[in-house]
C-alpha atoms as a PDB file:
ATOM      1  CA  MET A   1       0.454   0.152   0.151  1.00  0.00           C
ATOM      2  CA  ILE A   2       1.293   3.717  -0.977  1.00  0.00           C
ATOM      3  CA  VAL A   3      -0.014   6.604   1.350  1.00  0.00           C
ATOM      4  CA  GLU A   4       0.268   9.928   0.100  1.00  0.00           C
ATOM      5  CA  LEU A   5       1.217  11.594   3.460  1.00  0.00           C
ATOM      6  CA  ASN A   6       0.961  15.464   4.334  1.00  0.00           C
ATOM      7  CA  GLU A   7       1.357  18.055   7.286  1.00  0.00           C
ATOM      8  CA  GLU A   8      -2.037  16.637   8.634  1.00  0.00           C
ATOM      9  CA  ASN A   9      -1.511  12.662   8.676  1.00  0.00           C
ATOM     10  CA  PHE A  10       2.547  12.348   8.761  1.00  0.00           C
ATOM     11  CA  GLU A  11       2.776  11.490  12.241  1.00  0.00           C
ATOM     12  CA  GLU A  12      -0.079   9.173  13.080  1.00  0.00           C
ATOM     13  CA  ASN A  13       1.156   7.293  10.045  1.00  0.00           C
ATOM     14  CA  ILE A  14       4.541   6.590  11.171  1.00  0.00           C
ATOM     15  CA  LYS A  15       3.934   6.445  14.727  1.00  0.00           C
ATOM     16  CA  SER A  16       3.583   2.353  15.037  1.00  0.00           C
ATOM     17  CA  GLY A  17       5.778  -0.267  12.930  1.00  0.00           C
ATOM     18  CA  LEU A  18       8.079  -0.250  10.506  1.00  0.00           C
ATOM     19  CA  LYS A  19       7.562   2.318   7.826  1.00  0.00           C
ATOM     20  CA  LEU A  20       9.306   3.574   4.670  1.00  0.00           C
ATOM     21  CA  VAL A  21       8.702   6.749   3.718  1.00  0.00           C
ATOM     22  CA  GLU A  22      10.096   8.516   0.336  1.00  0.00           C
ATOM     23  CA  PHE A  23      10.058  12.034   0.377  1.00  0.00           C
ATOM     24  CA  TYR A  24       9.686  13.124  -3.465  1.00  0.00           C
ATOM     25  CA  ALA A  25       9.453  15.960  -6.049  1.00  0.00           C
ATOM     26  CA  VAL A  26       6.885  15.636  -9.018  1.00  0.00           C
ATOM     27  CA  TRP A  27       9.741  17.607 -11.311  1.00  0.00           C
ATOM     28  CA  CYS A  28      12.500  14.818 -10.307  1.00  0.00           C
ATOM     29  CA  THR A  29      13.052  12.610 -13.036  1.00  0.00           C
ATOM     30  CA  PHE A  30      14.439  10.327 -10.777  1.00  0.00           C
ATOM     31  CA  CYS A  31      11.526  10.123  -8.619  1.00  0.00           C
ATOM     32  CA  GLN A  32       9.113   9.262 -11.633  1.00  0.00           C
ATOM     33  CA  LYS A  33      11.447   6.340 -12.205  1.00  0.00           C
ATOM     34  CA  GLN A  34      11.404   5.325  -8.596  1.00  0.00           C
ATOM     35  CA  ARG A  35       7.618   5.024  -8.530  1.00  0.00           C
ATOM     36  CA  PRO A  36       7.422   1.816 -10.425  1.00  0.00           C
ATOM     37  CA  VAL A  37       9.558   0.494  -7.781  1.00  0.00           C
ATOM     38  CA  LEU A  38       7.399   1.316  -5.257  1.00  0.00           C
ATOM     39  CA  GLU A  39       4.171   0.345  -6.447  1.00  0.00           C
ATOM     40  CA  GLU A  40       6.017  -3.011  -7.056  1.00  0.00           C
ATOM     41  CA  LEU A  41       6.884  -3.273  -3.436  1.00  0.00           C
ATOM     42  CA  SER A  42       3.448  -1.965  -2.357  1.00  0.00           C
ATOM     43  CA  ARG A  43       2.252  -5.350  -4.182  1.00  0.00           C
ATOM     44  CA  ASN A  44       3.919  -7.493  -1.802  1.00  0.00           C
ATOM     45  CA  ASN A  45       2.249  -5.642   1.073  1.00  0.00           C
ATOM     46  CA  ILE A  46       4.997  -3.359   2.336  1.00  0.00           C
ATOM     47  CA  TRP A  47       3.871  -0.104   3.477  1.00  0.00           C
ATOM     48  CA  ILE A  48       5.097   2.354   1.809  1.00  0.00           C
ATOM     49  CA  GLY A  49       4.475   6.575   2.435  1.00  0.00           C
ATOM     50  CA  THR A  50       5.043   9.194   0.009  1.00  0.00           C
ATOM     51  CA  VAL A  51       5.617  12.824   1.068  1.00  0.00           C
ATOM     52  CA  ASP A  52       5.399  15.231  -1.899  1.00  0.00           C
ATOM     53  CA  ALA A  53       8.372  18.054  -0.473  1.00  0.00           C
ATOM     54  CA  ASP A  54       7.153  20.764  -2.386  1.00  0.00           C
ATOM     55  CA  LYS A  55       3.404  20.659  -0.769  1.00  0.00           C
ATOM     56  CA  ASN A  56       4.850  19.651   2.590  1.00  0.00           C
ATOM     57  CA  PRO A  57       8.132  22.089   3.318  1.00  0.00           C
ATOM     58  CA  LEU A  58       8.216  21.664   7.259  1.00  0.00           C
ATOM     59  CA  ILE A  59       7.694  17.997   7.245  1.00  0.00           C
ATOM     60  CA  THR A  60      10.760  17.942   4.629  1.00  0.00           C
ATOM     61  CA  GLU A  61      12.402  20.480   6.904  1.00  0.00           C
ATOM     62  CA  LYS A  62      12.478  18.683   9.863  1.00  0.00           C
ATOM     63  CA  TYR A  63      13.749  15.452   8.381  1.00  0.00           C
ATOM     64  CA  GLU A  64      16.638  17.672   6.578  1.00  0.00           C
ATOM     65  CA  ILE A  65      15.871  16.339   3.407  1.00  0.00           C
ATOM     66  CA  SER A  66      18.006  18.380   0.674  1.00  0.00           C
ATOM     67  CA  GLY A  67      17.689  15.840  -2.209  1.00  0.00           C
ATOM     68  CA  PHE A  68      15.329  13.486  -3.942  1.00  0.00           C
ATOM     69  CA  PRO A  69      14.123  11.041  -3.735  1.00  0.00           C
ATOM     70  CA  THR A  70      15.126  10.536   0.011  1.00  0.00           C
ATOM     71  CA  PHE A  71      13.761   7.457   1.831  1.00  0.00           C
ATOM     72  CA  VAL A  72      13.609   7.850   5.770  1.00  0.00           C
ATOM     73  CA  LEU A  73      13.124   4.644   7.450  1.00  0.00           C
ATOM     74  CA  PHE A  74      11.173   4.578  10.742  1.00  0.00           C
ATOM     75  CA  ARG A  75       9.956   2.612  13.228  1.00  0.00           C
ATOM     76  CA  GLN A  76       7.620   3.561  16.232  1.00  0.00           C
ATOM     77  CA  GLY A  77       7.973   7.004  14.837  1.00  0.00           C
ATOM     78  CA  LYS A  78      11.888   7.240  15.235  1.00  0.00           C
ATOM     79  CA  VAL A  79      14.172   7.459  12.305  1.00  0.00           C
ATOM     80  CA  LEU A  80      16.312   4.325  11.716  1.00  0.00           C
ATOM     81  CA  SER A  81      18.011   5.465   8.419  1.00  0.00           C
ATOM     82  CA  LYS A  82      18.089   7.520   5.510  1.00  0.00           C
ATOM     83  CA  LEU A  83      18.816   6.358   1.688  1.00  0.00           C
ATOM     84  CA  ALA A  84      19.635   8.734  -0.600  1.00  0.00           C
ATOM     85  CA  GLY A  85      18.803   8.837  -4.636  1.00  0.00           C
ATOM     86  CA  PHE A  86      17.033   6.275  -6.696  1.00  0.00           C
ATOM     87  CA  HIS A  87      17.041   2.343  -5.446  1.00  0.00           C
ATOM     88  CA  ASP A  88      16.116  -0.487  -6.728  1.00  0.00           C
ATOM     89  CA  LYS A  89      13.628  -3.070  -5.212  1.00  0.00           C
ATOM     90  CA  SER A  90      16.509  -5.463  -3.800  1.00  0.00           C
ATOM     91  CA  ASP A  91      18.271  -2.414  -2.328  1.00  0.00           C
ATOM     92  CA  LEU A  92      14.781  -1.393  -0.460  1.00  0.00           C
ATOM     93  CA  LEU A  93      14.151  -5.150   0.719  1.00  0.00           C
ATOM     94  CA  THR A  94      17.157  -5.419   2.001  1.00  0.00           C
ATOM     95  CA  ARG A  95      16.958  -2.387   4.109  1.00  0.00           C
ATOM     96  CA  LEU A  96      13.879  -3.579   5.313  1.00  0.00           C
ATOM     97  CA  MET A  97      14.764  -6.944   6.157  1.00  0.00           C
ATOM     98  CA  GLU A  98      18.233  -5.717   8.171  1.00  0.00           C
ATOM     99  CA  ASN A  99      15.533  -3.537  10.446  1.00  0.00           C
ATOM    100  CA  LEU A 100      12.643  -6.131  10.887  1.00  0.00           C
ATOM    101  CA  GLY A 101      13.832  -7.570  14.141  1.00  0.00           C
END
């Protein structure tokens, strides 16, 4: 499932469990290439949140996002790690698996 996050629903969505959130910009070419990978992951019951950085500057600034796409992995609302740039499915799955336990 891909959930579009914004300043109203962000905190509620990341507060429990392991959550992968992509910060993106509509104009970003790498973000556009990243979308099919995220859609494929989401079909495997992996929760993915996306934040349009241009529409949600407060969240983007809070997590010090400066390039796109940037992934932030959360557990129980706390940042576990950040990944900048395009990542293929295996990279993202590996990062998720490393943090499941």
